Amino acid sequence: MAKSMTIYNKYILNTIVSLKRNIKGYKYPDMLMWSKLNEILNMVLEALKNTSYSFMLYEVSNMDKEKFEYFLAKGFMDESVKENITRTKLLLDEDKSIAIVINNNDHIEIRVLGTASADELVDIAIDVERELDKSIEFQFDENYGYLTSDPVNIGNGISIAKIVHLYRRDEFNKDELKSDDMSKIRLTPLVGPNGSKIEDIYILDANVNKFTNIESFKKLSMLTDQNVIVYENENRRRYLEQNYILMKDRIMKALEMIKVASLISYDEALIYLSNLMFARSMDLLEPDDVSIDAALYQMITPEAIEYTYSISNKSEIDQKRATILREKLGEVKFIDKDIKEEENNL
């Protein structure tokens, strides 16, 4: 059955919901003795017994480099963990894409990843929190809401980051993303573990008022998604009309290299995928349900290849990446729509 094209596999590659809580009667992790940190861990483990979740406990300080970088790249943890490795623990239900980071900057951070709408992922995070709330009392202030180490999260304790594909923002003028229901939306280029920018991939974060209730918060997130649709649809349509020959060349080169190349570097792969993401969104690829998603982006990272296939040699990694792309996209074809007349009218 063909997978229908939606915003969640057309522009938004992945969404990460973070829900932070701190336990009443305990200071923040950076001020706690080891005995208190262990008490918090044991409270969480006990609360999750006899639930439907299957969490595996990881000692972050004992992870090998490959696993640590892989989990970081997947989004199960964020970069702040690097500063608190010795005290941070990770509970991971990888099948459900749910992580609980314990004793990083806050006592508990529930992270839910997925390609579903943000409101669905928020509901999953809240379900996990409800299991914990049965036996754990969280810090809560009647005036400020749930208390967290970062004042930005005070209120409902939830933040939502969307990993979005926005094509060639530096090549032509794009209006800044705005919404009548939000303050200015922040776009930050996504960078890999080595600090290099990921081609045309951004983290979208709206400065939503964290004091709103959960339902209002989810509604504001949905409005952000709608804003992305309008914004990017118009920009891609205009860009294609003005640059059809150039885009045809980029897309066909990407498809040809994926078919024949024995080695594909990570930077090359990101450029090819960005061009093909654009092509798919403009109905220029066959089959039209070709899967270019967050899973594929993650699969070709150096960290994922090294972790999954136990290889560390760069040439071998580039060779494996070429094989993965060929297996996933080697049969994809370009559909020439021949829109020269539209181009000449501009």
C-alpha atoms as a PDB file:
ATOM      1  CA  MET A   1       0.000   0.000   0.000  1.00  0.00           C
ATOM      2  CA  ALA A   2       1.469   3.365  -1.053  1.00  0.00           C
ATOM      3  CA  LYS A   3       2.337   5.756   1.749  1.00  0.00           C
ATOM      4  CA  SER A   4       0.403   8.990   1.374  1.00  0.00           C
ATOM      5  CA  MET A   5       2.374  12.235   1.216  1.00  0.00           C
ATOM      6  CA  THR A   6       1.809  14.438   4.251  1.00  0.00           C
ATOM      7  CA  ILE A   7       3.637  17.328   5.841  1.00  0.00           C
ATOM      8  CA  TYR A   8       5.279  14.853   8.202  1.00  0.00           C
ATOM      9  CA  ASN A   9       7.159  13.065   5.419  1.00  0.00           C
ATOM     10  CA  LYS A  10       7.271  15.969   2.950  1.00  0.00           C
ATOM     11  CA  TYR A  11       8.848  18.778   4.963  1.00  0.00           C
ATOM     12  CA  ILE A  12       9.055  17.660   8.589  1.00  0.00           C
ATOM     13  CA  LEU A  13      11.526  14.796   8.901  1.00  0.00           C
ATOM     14  CA  ASN A  14      11.239  14.256  12.615  1.00  0.00           C
ATOM     15  CA  THR A  15       9.733  15.760  15.743  1.00  0.00           C
ATOM     16  CA  ILE A  16      11.218  15.593  19.229  1.00  0.00           C
ATOM     17  CA  VAL A  17       8.990  16.266  22.214  1.00  0.00           C
ATOM     18  CA  SER A  18      10.718  16.921  25.531  1.00  0.00           C
ATOM     19  CA  LEU A  19       8.846  16.871  28.832  1.00  0.00           C
ATOM     20  CA  LYS A  20      10.877  17.809  31.937  1.00  0.00           C
ATOM     21  CA  ARG A  21       9.994  17.183  35.540  1.00  0.00           C
ATOM     22  CA  ASN A  22      11.776  17.530  38.878  1.00  0.00           C
ATOM     23  CA  ILE A  23      10.977  15.663  42.065  1.00  0.00           C
ATOM     24  CA  LYS A  24       9.673  17.486  45.107  1.00  0.00           C
ATOM     25  CA  GLY A  25      12.141  17.675  47.979  1.00  0.00           C
ATOM     26  CA  TYR A  26      15.266  17.263  45.834  1.00  0.00           C
ATOM     27  CA  LYS A  27      17.677  19.924  44.593  1.00  0.00           C
ATOM     28  CA  TYR A  28      18.634  20.034  40.924  1.00  0.00           C
ATOM     29  CA  PRO A  29      21.083  17.298  39.860  1.00  0.00           C
ATOM     30  CA  ASP A  30      24.206  19.481  39.828  1.00  0.00           C
ATOM     31  CA  MET A  31      23.739  20.103  43.573  1.00  0.00           C
ATOM     32  CA  LEU A  32      23.039  16.515  44.641  1.00  0.00           C
ATOM     33  CA  MET A  33      25.263  13.881  46.214  1.00  0.00           C
ATOM     34  CA  TRP A  34      25.577  10.498  44.492  1.00  0.00           C
ATOM     35  CA  SER A  35      23.274   8.872  47.045  1.00  0.00           C
ATOM     36  CA  LYS A  36      20.456  11.315  46.166  1.00  0.00           C
ATOM     37  CA  LEU A  37      21.031  10.868  42.410  1.00  0.00           C
ATOM     38  CA  ASN A  38      20.685   7.119  42.894  1.00  0.00           C
ATOM     39  CA  GLU A  39      17.500   7.609  44.899  1.00  0.00           C
ATOM     40  CA  ILE A  40      15.984   9.478  41.944  1.00  0.00           C
ATOM     41  CA  LEU A  41      17.017   6.733  39.527  1.00  0.00           C
ATOM     42  CA  ASN A  42      15.515   4.040  41.742  1.00  0.00           C
ATOM     43  CA  MET A  43      12.268   5.981  42.133  1.00  0.00           C
ATOM     44  CA  VAL A  44      11.889   6.147  38.345  1.00  0.00           C
ATOM     45  CA  LEU A  45      12.751   2.472  37.862  1.00  0.00           C
ATOM     46  CA  GLU A  46      10.240   1.448  40.526  1.00  0.00           C
ATOM     47  CA  ALA A  47       7.497   3.628  39.026  1.00  0.00           C
ATOM     48  CA  LEU A  48       7.944   2.001  35.616  1.00  0.00           C
ATOM     49  CA  LYS A  49       7.612  -1.570  36.880  1.00  0.00           C
ATOM     50  CA  ASN A  50       4.553  -3.453  35.606  1.00  0.00           C
ATOM     51  CA  THR A  51       3.881  -0.920  32.838  1.00  0.00           C
ATOM     52  CA  SER A  52       3.603  -1.562  29.108  1.00  0.00           C
ATOM     53  CA  TYR A  53       7.021   0.012  28.496  1.00  0.00           C
ATOM     54  CA  SER A  54      10.239  -1.956  28.009  1.00  0.00           C
ATOM     55  CA  PHE A  55      12.992   0.415  29.039  1.00  0.00           C
ATOM     56  CA  MET A  56      16.631  -0.593  29.018  1.00  0.00           C
ATOM     57  CA  LEU A  57      18.975   1.213  31.390  1.00  0.00           C
ATOM     58  CA  TYR A  58      22.203   2.680  30.024  1.00  0.00           C
ATOM     59  CA  GLU A  59      25.041   4.160  32.063  1.00  0.00           C
ATOM     60  CA  VAL A  60      25.992   7.077  29.819  1.00  0.00           C
ATOM     61  CA  SER A  61      29.505   7.189  31.274  1.00  0.00           C
ATOM     62  CA  ASN A  62      30.051   3.530  30.294  1.00  0.00           C
ATOM     63  CA  MET A  63      28.857   3.833  26.697  1.00  0.00           C
ATOM     64  CA  ASP A  64      31.447   3.343  23.992  1.00  0.00           C
ATOM     65  CA  LYS A  65      31.973   6.312  21.692  1.00  0.00           C
ATOM     66  CA  GLU A  66      30.025   4.774  18.793  1.00  0.00           C
ATOM     67  CA  LYS A  67      26.906   4.073  20.851  1.00  0.00           C
ATOM     68  CA  PHE A  68      27.025   7.479  22.562  1.00  0.00           C
ATOM     69  CA  GLU A  69      27.298   9.353  19.251  1.00  0.00           C
ATOM     70  CA  TYR A  70      24.581   7.167  17.722  1.00  0.00           C
ATOM     71  CA  PHE A  71      22.099   7.857  20.538  1.00  0.00           C
ATOM     72  CA  LEU A  72      22.989  11.541  20.387  1.00  0.00           C
ATOM     73  CA  ALA A  73      22.440  11.671  16.618  1.00  0.00           C
ATOM     74  CA  LYS A  74      19.115   9.847  16.987  1.00  0.00           C
ATOM     75  CA  GLY A  75      17.887  12.491  19.432  1.00  0.00           C
ATOM     76  CA  PHE A  76      17.507  10.260  22.485  1.00  0.00           C
ATOM     77  CA  MET A  77      19.767  12.741  24.306  1.00  0.00           C
ATOM     78  CA  ASP A  78      20.878  16.284  23.570  1.00  0.00           C
ATOM     79  CA  GLU A  79      24.308  17.908  23.562  1.00  0.00           C
ATOM     80  CA  SER A  80      24.020  19.059  27.185  1.00  0.00           C
ATOM     81  CA  VAL A  81      24.584  15.460  28.307  1.00  0.00           C
ATOM     82  CA  LYS A  82      28.245  15.807  27.342  1.00  0.00           C
ATOM     83  CA  GLU A  83      28.756  18.135  30.307  1.00  0.00           C
ATOM     84  CA  ASN A  84      27.072  15.742  32.760  1.00  0.00           C
ATOM     85  CA  ILE A  85      28.131  12.311  31.511  1.00  0.00           C
ATOM     86  CA  THR A  86      29.203  10.923  34.872  1.00  0.00           C
ATOM     87  CA  ARG A  87      25.824  11.402  36.557  1.00  0.00           C
ATOM     88  CA  THR A  88      23.402  10.981  33.637  1.00  0.00           C
ATOM     89  CA  LYS A  89      21.477   7.755  33.073  1.00  0.00           C
ATOM     90  CA  LEU A  90      19.385   6.843  30.043  1.00  0.00           C
ATOM     91  CA  LEU A  91      16.275   4.675  29.981  1.00  0.00           C
ATOM     92  CA  LEU A  92      15.429   3.712  26.417  1.00  0.00           C
ATOM     93  CA  ASP A  93      12.467   1.968  24.825  1.00  0.00           C
ATOM     94  CA  GLU A  94      13.925   1.979  21.323  1.00  0.00           C
ATOM     95  CA  ASP A  95      10.942   0.206  19.719  1.00  0.00           C
ATOM     96  CA  LYS A  96       8.634   3.011  20.853  1.00  0.00           C
ATOM     97  CA  SER A  97      11.270   5.747  20.319  1.00  0.00           C
ATOM     98  CA  ILE A  98      10.896   6.904  23.919  1.00  0.00           C
ATOM     99  CA  ALA A  99      13.831   7.912  26.099  1.00  0.00           C
ATOM    100  CA  ILE A 100      13.965   9.054  29.712  1.00  0.00           C
ATOM    101  CA  VAL A 101      17.100  11.017  30.541  1.00  0.00           C
ATOM    102  CA  ILE A 102      17.728  10.985  34.277  1.00  0.00           C
ATOM    103  CA  ASN A 103      19.830  13.476  36.259  1.00  0.00           C
ATOM    104  CA  ASN A 104      21.140  15.548  33.361  1.00  0.00           C
ATOM    105  CA  ASN A 105      20.075  19.153  34.027  1.00  0.00           C
ATOM    106  CA  ASP A 106      16.710  18.051  35.406  1.00  0.00           C
ATOM    107  CA  HIS A 107      15.774  14.950  37.359  1.00  0.00           C
ATOM    108  CA  ILE A 108      13.631  13.559  34.548  1.00  0.00           C
ATOM    109  CA  GLU A 109      13.370  14.386  30.863  1.00  0.00           C
ATOM    110  CA  ILE A 110      10.985  12.309  28.778  1.00  0.00           C
ATOM    111  CA  ARG A 111      11.888  12.486  25.084  1.00  0.00           C
ATOM    112  CA  VAL A 112       9.550  11.110  22.412  1.00  0.00           C
ATOM    113  CA  LEU A 113      10.668  10.982  18.784  1.00  0.00           C
ATOM    114  CA  GLY A 114       8.654  10.327  15.665  1.00  0.00           C
ATOM    115  CA  THR A 115       7.203  11.409  12.350  1.00  0.00           C
ATOM    116  CA  ALA A 116       3.658  11.653  13.705  1.00  0.00           C
ATOM    117  CA  SER A 117       2.105  15.007  14.504  1.00  0.00           C
ATOM    118  CA  ALA A 118       3.482  16.754  17.563  1.00  0.00           C
ATOM    119  CA  ASP A 119       0.208  16.470  19.468  1.00  0.00           C
ATOM    120  CA  GLU A 120       0.344  12.666  19.200  1.00  0.00           C
ATOM    121  CA  LEU A 121       3.907  12.645  20.530  1.00  0.00           C
ATOM    122  CA  VAL A 122       2.947  14.997  23.375  1.00  0.00           C
ATOM    123  CA  ASP A 123       0.194  12.558  24.363  1.00  0.00           C
ATOM    124  CA  ILE A 124       2.754   9.725  24.498  1.00  0.00           C
ATOM    125  CA  ALA A 125       5.054  11.799  26.718  1.00  0.00           C
ATOM    126  CA  ILE A 126       2.146  12.634  29.023  1.00  0.00           C
ATOM    127  CA  ASP A 127       1.197   8.945  29.254  1.00  0.00           C
ATOM    128  CA  VAL A 128       4.722   8.153  30.456  1.00  0.00           C
ATOM    129  CA  GLU A 129       4.566  11.043  32.917  1.00  0.00           C
ATOM    130  CA  ARG A 130       1.267   9.746  34.303  1.00  0.00           C
ATOM    131  CA  GLU A 131       2.893   6.414  35.079  1.00  0.00           C
ATOM    132  CA  LEU A 132       5.624   8.216  37.012  1.00  0.00           C
ATOM    133  CA  ASP A 133       3.138  10.550  38.687  1.00  0.00           C
ATOM    134  CA  LYS A 134       1.389   7.600  40.349  1.00  0.00           C
ATOM    135  CA  SER A 135       4.233   7.262  42.839  1.00  0.00           C
ATOM    136  CA  ILE A 136       6.417  10.371  42.355  1.00  0.00           C
ATOM    137  CA  GLU A 137       5.451  13.895  43.452  1.00  0.00           C
ATOM    138  CA  PHE A 138       6.813  16.561  41.114  1.00  0.00           C
ATOM    139  CA  GLN A 139       7.844  20.120  41.921  1.00  0.00           C
ATOM    140  CA  PHE A 140       4.875  22.356  41.071  1.00  0.00           C
ATOM    141  CA  ASP A 141       4.096  25.972  41.868  1.00  0.00           C
ATOM    142  CA  GLU A 142       0.565  27.337  41.631  1.00  0.00           C
ATOM    143  CA  ASN A 143       1.820  30.542  40.027  1.00  0.00           C
ATOM    144  CA  TYR A 144       4.599  29.199  37.797  1.00  0.00           C
ATOM    145  CA  GLY A 145       3.592  25.623  37.045  1.00  0.00           C
ATOM    146  CA  TYR A 146       6.152  22.802  36.834  1.00  0.00           C
ATOM    147  CA  LEU A 147       9.610  23.986  37.898  1.00  0.00           C
ATOM    148  CA  THR A 148      12.614  23.185  35.706  1.00  0.00           C
ATOM    149  CA  SER A 149      16.304  24.099  35.641  1.00  0.00           C
ATOM    150  CA  ASP A 150      15.771  26.206  32.515  1.00  0.00           C
ATOM    151  CA  PRO A 151      13.308  29.081  33.048  1.00  0.00           C
ATOM    152  CA  VAL A 152      12.192  28.729  29.417  1.00  0.00           C
ATOM    153  CA  ASN A 153      10.560  25.408  30.286  1.00  0.00           C
ATOM    154  CA  ILE A 154       8.832  26.562  33.462  1.00  0.00           C
ATOM    155  CA  GLY A 155       5.077  26.131  33.097  1.00  0.00           C
ATOM    156  CA  ASN A 156       4.044  22.933  31.369  1.00  0.00           C
ATOM    157  CA  GLY A 157       7.677  21.779  31.072  1.00  0.00           C
ATOM    158  CA  ILE A 158       7.249  20.805  27.422  1.00  0.00           C
ATOM    159  CA  SER A 159       9.236  21.858  24.382  1.00  0.00           C
ATOM    160  CA  ILE A 160       8.834  20.717  20.788  1.00  0.00           C
ATOM    161  CA  ALA A 161      11.568  20.727  18.159  1.00  0.00           C
ATOM    162  CA  LYS A 162      10.824  19.852  14.552  1.00  0.00           C
ATOM    163  CA  ILE A 163      13.554  18.743  12.167  1.00  0.00           C
ATOM    164  CA  VAL A 164      12.511  20.320   8.866  1.00  0.00           C
ATOM    165  CA  HIS A 165      13.756  20.347   5.285  1.00  0.00           C
ATOM    166  CA  LEU A 166      13.808  23.868   3.851  1.00  0.00           C
ATOM    167  CA  TYR A 167      15.393  23.929   0.416  1.00  0.00           C
ATOM    168  CA  ARG A 168      18.264  26.314  -0.472  1.00  0.00           C
ATOM    169  CA  ARG A 169      17.369  29.145   1.877  1.00  0.00           C
ATOM    170  CA  ASP A 170      20.602  30.923   0.947  1.00  0.00           C
ATOM    171  CA  GLU A 171      19.937  30.954  -2.829  1.00  0.00           C
ATOM    172  CA  PHE A 172      16.845  33.141  -2.959  1.00  0.00           C
ATOM    173  CA  ASN A 173      14.838  35.424  -0.725  1.00  0.00           C
ATOM    174  CA  LYS A 174      12.472  33.724   1.658  1.00  0.00           C
ATOM    175  CA  ASP A 175      10.120  35.557   3.955  1.00  0.00           C
ATOM    176  CA  GLU A 176      10.711  34.923   7.604  1.00  0.00           C
ATOM    177  CA  LEU A 177       8.399  32.359   9.145  1.00  0.00           C
ATOM    178  CA  LYS A 178       5.773  34.101  11.264  1.00  0.00           C
ATOM    179  CA  SER A 179       2.366  33.353  12.688  1.00  0.00           C
ATOM    180  CA  ASP A 180      -0.406  35.544  14.048  1.00  0.00           C
ATOM    181  CA  ASP A 181      -0.719  33.160  16.992  1.00  0.00           C
ATOM    182  CA  MET A 182       2.955  33.013  17.913  1.00  0.00           C
ATOM    183  CA  SER A 183       5.961  35.130  18.372  1.00  0.00           C
ATOM    184  CA  LYS A 184       8.724  34.800  15.819  1.00  0.00           C
ATOM    185  CA  ILE A 185       9.653  31.213  14.981  1.00  0.00           C
ATOM    186  CA  ARG A 186      13.313  30.312  15.439  1.00  0.00           C
ATOM    187  CA  LEU A 187      15.148  28.313  12.775  1.00  0.00           C
ATOM    188  CA  THR A 188      18.557  26.895  13.615  1.00  0.00           C
ATOM    189  CA  PRO A 189      20.699  24.922  11.153  1.00  0.00           C
ATOM    190  CA  LEU A 190      21.045  21.320  12.252  1.00  0.00           C
ATOM    191  CA  VAL A 191      24.640  20.263  12.794  1.00  0.00           C
ATOM    192  CA  GLY A 192      26.134  16.796  13.065  1.00  0.00           C
ATOM    193  CA  PRO A 193      28.267  15.510  15.951  1.00  0.00           C
ATOM    194  CA  ASN A 194      31.378  16.805  14.180  1.00  0.00           C
ATOM    195  CA  GLY A 195      29.914  20.329  14.047  1.00  0.00           C
ATOM    196  CA  SER A 196      29.237  20.384  10.295  1.00  0.00           C
ATOM    197  CA  LYS A 197      25.918  21.744   9.007  1.00  0.00           C
ATOM    198  CA  ILE A 198      23.418  19.233   7.641  1.00  0.00           C
ATOM    199  CA  GLU A 199      22.411  20.297   4.117  1.00  0.00           C
ATOM    200  CA  ASP A 200      19.088  22.216   4.117  1.00  0.00           C
ATOM    201  CA  ILE A 201      17.993  20.699   7.441  1.00  0.00           C
ATOM    202  CA  TYR A 202      16.902  22.972  10.287  1.00  0.00           C
ATOM    203  CA  ILE A 203      15.556  22.746  13.796  1.00  0.00           C
ATOM    204  CA  LEU A 204      12.293  24.659  14.028  1.00  0.00           C
ATOM    205  CA  ASP A 205      11.330  25.881  17.467  1.00  0.00           C
ATOM    206  CA  ALA A 206       8.521  28.316  18.182  1.00  0.00           C
ATOM    207  CA  ASN A 207       8.772  30.616  21.201  1.00  0.00           C
ATOM    208  CA  VAL A 208       5.466  29.332  22.506  1.00  0.00           C
ATOM    209  CA  ASN A 209       4.294  30.591  25.870  1.00  0.00           C
ATOM    210  CA  LYS A 210       5.152  27.667  28.141  1.00  0.00           C
ATOM    211  CA  PHE A 211       2.436  28.669  30.607  1.00  0.00           C
ATOM    212  CA  THR A 212      -0.331  27.623  28.214  1.00  0.00           C
ATOM    213  CA  ASN A 213      -2.271  24.472  28.986  1.00  0.00           C
ATOM    214  CA  ILE A 214      -1.453  21.290  27.105  1.00  0.00           C
ATOM    215  CA  GLU A 215      -4.321  21.503  24.604  1.00  0.00           C
ATOM    216  CA  SER A 216      -3.501  25.105  23.703  1.00  0.00           C
ATOM    217  CA  PHE A 217       0.148  24.162  23.411  1.00  0.00           C
ATOM    218  CA  LYS A 218      -0.684  21.365  20.936  1.00  0.00           C
ATOM    219  CA  LYS A 219      -2.902  23.731  18.931  1.00  0.00           C
ATOM    220  CA  LEU A 220      -0.065  26.253  18.632  1.00  0.00           C
ATOM    221  CA  SER A 221       2.238  23.486  17.437  1.00  0.00           C
ATOM    222  CA  MET A 222      -0.295  22.525  14.764  1.00  0.00           C
ATOM    223  CA  LEU A 223      -0.424  26.141  13.592  1.00  0.00           C
ATOM    224  CA  THR A 224       3.356  26.041  13.242  1.00  0.00           C
ATOM    225  CA  ASP A 225       3.019  23.002  10.966  1.00  0.00           C
ATOM    226  CA  GLN A 226       0.435  24.775   8.832  1.00  0.00           C
ATOM    227  CA  ASN A 227       2.731  27.781   8.620  1.00  0.00           C
ATOM    228  CA  VAL A 228       5.510  25.531   7.306  1.00  0.00           C
ATOM    229  CA  ILE A 229       3.200  24.118   4.613  1.00  0.00           C
ATOM    230  CA  VAL A 230       2.200  27.516   3.259  1.00  0.00           C
ATOM    231  CA  TYR A 231       5.717  28.908   3.517  1.00  0.00           C
ATOM    232  CA  GLU A 232       7.604  26.069   1.887  1.00  0.00           C
ATOM    233  CA  ASN A 233       5.012  25.125  -0.745  1.00  0.00           C
ATOM    234  CA  GLU A 234       5.066  28.630  -2.183  1.00  0.00           C
ATOM    235  CA  ASN A 235       8.840  28.952  -2.078  1.00  0.00           C
ATOM    236  CA  ARG A 236       9.420  25.596  -3.759  1.00  0.00           C
ATOM    237  CA  ARG A 237       6.863  26.287  -6.478  1.00  0.00           C
ATOM    238  CA  ARG A 238       8.445  29.647  -7.255  1.00  0.00           C
ATOM    239  CA  TYR A 239      11.959  28.272  -7.132  1.00  0.00           C
ATOM    240  CA  LEU A 240      11.110  25.416  -9.509  1.00  0.00           C
ATOM    241  CA  GLU A 241       9.497  27.768 -12.023  1.00  0.00           C
ATOM    242  CA  GLN A 242      12.551  30.021 -12.006  1.00  0.00           C
ATOM    243  CA  ASN A 243      15.187  27.286 -11.973  1.00  0.00           C
ATOM    244  CA  TYR A 244      13.676  24.250 -13.703  1.00  0.00           C
ATOM    245  CA  ILE A 245      16.683  23.372 -15.862  1.00  0.00           C
ATOM    246  CA  LEU A 246      19.031  23.746 -12.913  1.00  0.00           C
ATOM    247  CA  MET A 247      16.806  21.598 -10.691  1.00  0.00           C
ATOM    248  CA  LYS A 248      16.413  18.955 -13.391  1.00  0.00           C
ATOM    249  CA  ASP A 249      20.199  18.762 -13.618  1.00  0.00           C
ATOM    250  CA  ARG A 250      20.627  18.507  -9.833  1.00  0.00           C
ATOM    251  CA  ILE A 251      17.992  15.800  -9.491  1.00  0.00           C
ATOM    252  CA  MET A 252      19.220  13.679 -12.390  1.00  0.00           C
ATOM    253  CA  LYS A 253      22.826  13.921 -11.181  1.00  0.00           C
ATOM    254  CA  ALA A 254      21.749  12.806  -7.719  1.00  0.00           C
ATOM    255  CA  LEU A 255      19.859   9.805  -9.097  1.00  0.00           C
ATOM    256  CA  GLU A 256      22.722   8.833 -11.417  1.00  0.00           C
ATOM    257  CA  MET A 257      25.366   9.044  -8.698  1.00  0.00           C
ATOM    258  CA  ILE A 258      23.251   6.953  -6.358  1.00  0.00           C
ATOM    259  CA  LYS A 259      22.891   4.311  -9.065  1.00  0.00           C
ATOM    260  CA  VAL A 260      26.583   4.035 -10.024  1.00  0.00           C
ATOM    261  CA  ALA A 261      28.834   5.422  -7.272  1.00  0.00           C
ATOM    262  CA  SER A 262      30.912   2.956  -5.268  1.00  0.00           C
ATOM    263  CA  LEU A 263      31.757   5.544  -2.607  1.00  0.00           C
ATOM    264  CA  ILE A 264      29.530   8.387  -1.410  1.00  0.00           C
ATOM    265  CA  SER A 265      30.751  10.744   1.296  1.00  0.00           C
ATOM    266  CA  TYR A 266      28.355  11.990   3.946  1.00  0.00           C
ATOM    267  CA  ASP A 267      28.413  15.555   2.577  1.00  0.00           C
ATOM    268  CA  GLU A 268      27.690  14.301  -0.956  1.00  0.00           C
ATOM    269  CA  ALA A 269      24.832  12.141   0.305  1.00  0.00           C
ATOM    270  CA  LEU A 270      23.221  15.089   2.103  1.00  0.00           C
ATOM    271  CA  ILE A 271      23.244  17.153  -1.085  1.00  0.00           C
ATOM    272  CA  TYR A 272      21.723  14.281  -3.096  1.00  0.00           C
ATOM    273  CA  LEU A 273      19.004  13.686  -0.506  1.00  0.00           C
ATOM    274  CA  SER A 274      18.128  17.366  -0.284  1.00  0.00           C
ATOM    275  CA  ASN A 275      17.662  17.586  -4.048  1.00  0.00           C
ATOM    276  CA  LEU A 276      15.569  14.421  -4.059  1.00  0.00           C
ATOM    277  CA  MET A 277      13.477  15.652  -1.131  1.00  0.00           C
ATOM    278  CA  PHE A 278      12.706  18.734  -3.194  1.00  0.00           C
ATOM    279  CA  ALA A 279      11.908  16.622  -6.259  1.00  0.00           C
ATOM    280  CA  ARG A 280       9.570  14.339  -4.359  1.00  0.00           C
ATOM    281  CA  SER A 281       7.651  17.252  -2.855  1.00  0.00           C
ATOM    282  CA  MET A 282       7.144  18.667  -6.364  1.00  0.00           C
ATOM    283  CA  ASP A 283       5.948  15.299  -7.775  1.00  0.00           C
ATOM    284  CA  LEU A 284       9.046  14.875  -9.914  1.00  0.00           C
ATOM    285  CA  LEU A 285       9.925  11.347  -8.808  1.00  0.00           C
ATOM    286  CA  GLU A 286       8.580   7.916  -9.614  1.00  0.00           C
ATOM    287  CA  PRO A 287       7.363   6.073  -7.604  1.00  0.00           C
ATOM    288  CA  ASP A 288       5.682   8.987  -5.870  1.00  0.00           C
ATOM    289  CA  ASP A 289       5.739   7.270  -2.477  1.00  0.00           C
ATOM    290  CA  VAL A 290       9.525   6.853  -2.420  1.00  0.00           C
ATOM    291  CA  SER A 291      10.718   6.888   1.176  1.00  0.00           C
ATOM    292  CA  ILE A 292      13.137   9.713   1.934  1.00  0.00           C
ATOM    293  CA  ASP A 293      12.640  10.223   5.629  1.00  0.00           C
ATOM    294  CA  ALA A 294      14.336  10.704   8.964  1.00  0.00           C
ATOM    295  CA  ALA A 295      15.157   7.003   9.144  1.00  0.00           C
ATOM    296  CA  LEU A 296      17.141   7.176   5.903  1.00  0.00           C
ATOM    297  CA  TYR A 297      18.933  10.353   6.983  1.00  0.00           C
ATOM    298  CA  GLN A 298      19.870   8.654  10.242  1.00  0.00           C
ATOM    299  CA  MET A 299      20.875   5.404   8.536  1.00  0.00           C
ATOM    300  CA  ILE A 300      23.610   7.059   6.457  1.00  0.00           C
ATOM    301  CA  THR A 301      25.298   9.070   9.214  1.00  0.00           C
ATOM    302  CA  PRO A 302      28.884   8.034   9.962  1.00  0.00           C
ATOM    303  CA  GLU A 303      27.839   7.313  13.558  1.00  0.00           C
ATOM    304  CA  ALA A 304      24.987   5.000  12.535  1.00  0.00           C
ATOM    305  CA  ILE A 305      27.079   3.089   9.993  1.00  0.00           C
ATOM    306  CA  GLU A 306      29.950   2.694  12.425  1.00  0.00           C
ATOM    307  CA  TYR A 307      27.597   1.557  15.196  1.00  0.00           C
ATOM    308  CA  THR A 308      25.398  -0.731  13.057  1.00  0.00           C
ATOM    309  CA  TYR A 309      28.049  -2.408  10.899  1.00  0.00           C
ATOM    310  CA  SER A 310      31.078  -2.210  13.238  1.00  0.00           C
ATOM    311  CA  ILE A 311      33.284  -0.497  10.687  1.00  0.00           C
ATOM    312  CA  SER A 312      35.424   2.571  11.311  1.00  0.00           C
ATOM    313  CA  ASN A 313      37.476   3.001   8.133  1.00  0.00           C
ATOM    314  CA  LYS A 314      36.212   6.076   6.240  1.00  0.00           C
ATOM    315  CA  SER A 315      36.383   4.430   2.812  1.00  0.00           C
ATOM    316  CA  GLU A 316      34.429   1.444   4.076  1.00  0.00           C
ATOM    317  CA  ILE A 317      31.853   3.745   5.645  1.00  0.00           C
ATOM    318  CA  ASP A 318      31.485   5.675   2.366  1.00  0.00           C
ATOM    319  CA  GLN A 319      31.141   2.385   0.496  1.00  0.00           C
ATOM    320  CA  LYS A 320      28.437   1.141   2.865  1.00  0.00           C
ATOM    321  CA  ARG A 321      26.620   4.485   2.542  1.00  0.00           C
ATOM    322  CA  ALA A 322      26.636   4.156  -1.252  1.00  0.00           C
ATOM    323  CA  THR A 323      25.205   0.657  -0.929  1.00  0.00           C
ATOM    324  CA  ILE A 324      22.437   1.796   1.414  1.00  0.00           C
ATOM    325  CA  LEU A 325      21.415   4.651  -0.894  1.00  0.00           C
ATOM    326  CA  ARG A 326      21.498   2.394  -3.951  1.00  0.00           C
ATOM    327  CA  GLU A 327      19.296  -0.182  -2.223  1.00  0.00           C
ATOM    328  CA  LYS A 328      16.812   2.461  -1.082  1.00  0.00           C
ATOM    329  CA  LEU A 329      16.758   4.798  -4.082  1.00  0.00           C
ATOM    330  CA  GLY A 330      18.449   2.995  -6.975  1.00  0.00           C
ATOM    331  CA  GLU A 331      15.182   2.359  -8.844  1.00  0.00           C
ATOM    332  CA  VAL A 332      13.793   5.893  -8.490  1.00  0.00           C
ATOM    333  CA  LYS A 333      13.232   7.806 -11.738  1.00  0.00           C
ATOM    334  CA  PHE A 334      12.897  11.486 -12.614  1.00  0.00           C
ATOM    335  CA  ILE A 335       9.628  12.691 -14.166  1.00  0.00           C
ATOM    336  CA  ASP A 336      10.311  15.467 -16.675  1.00  0.00           C
ATOM    337  CA  LYS A 337       7.369  17.859 -16.513  1.00  0.00           C
ATOM    338  CA  ASP A 338       8.811  20.248 -19.090  1.00  0.00           C
ATOM    339  CA  ILE A 339       7.655  23.549 -17.607  1.00  0.00           C
ATOM    340  CA  LYS A 340       9.758  25.738 -19.931  1.00  0.00           C
ATOM    341  CA  GLU A 341       6.783  27.924 -20.860  1.00  0.00           C
ATOM    342  CA  GLU A 342       6.253  28.863 -17.202  1.00  0.00           C
ATOM    343  CA  GLU A 343       9.966  29.580 -16.900  1.00  0.00           C
ATOM    344  CA  ASN A 344      10.000  31.872 -19.930  1.00  0.00           C
ATOM    345  CA  ASN A 345       7.067  33.903 -18.657  1.00  0.00           C
ATOM    346  CA  LEU A 346       8.961  35.070 -15.573  1.00  0.00           C
END
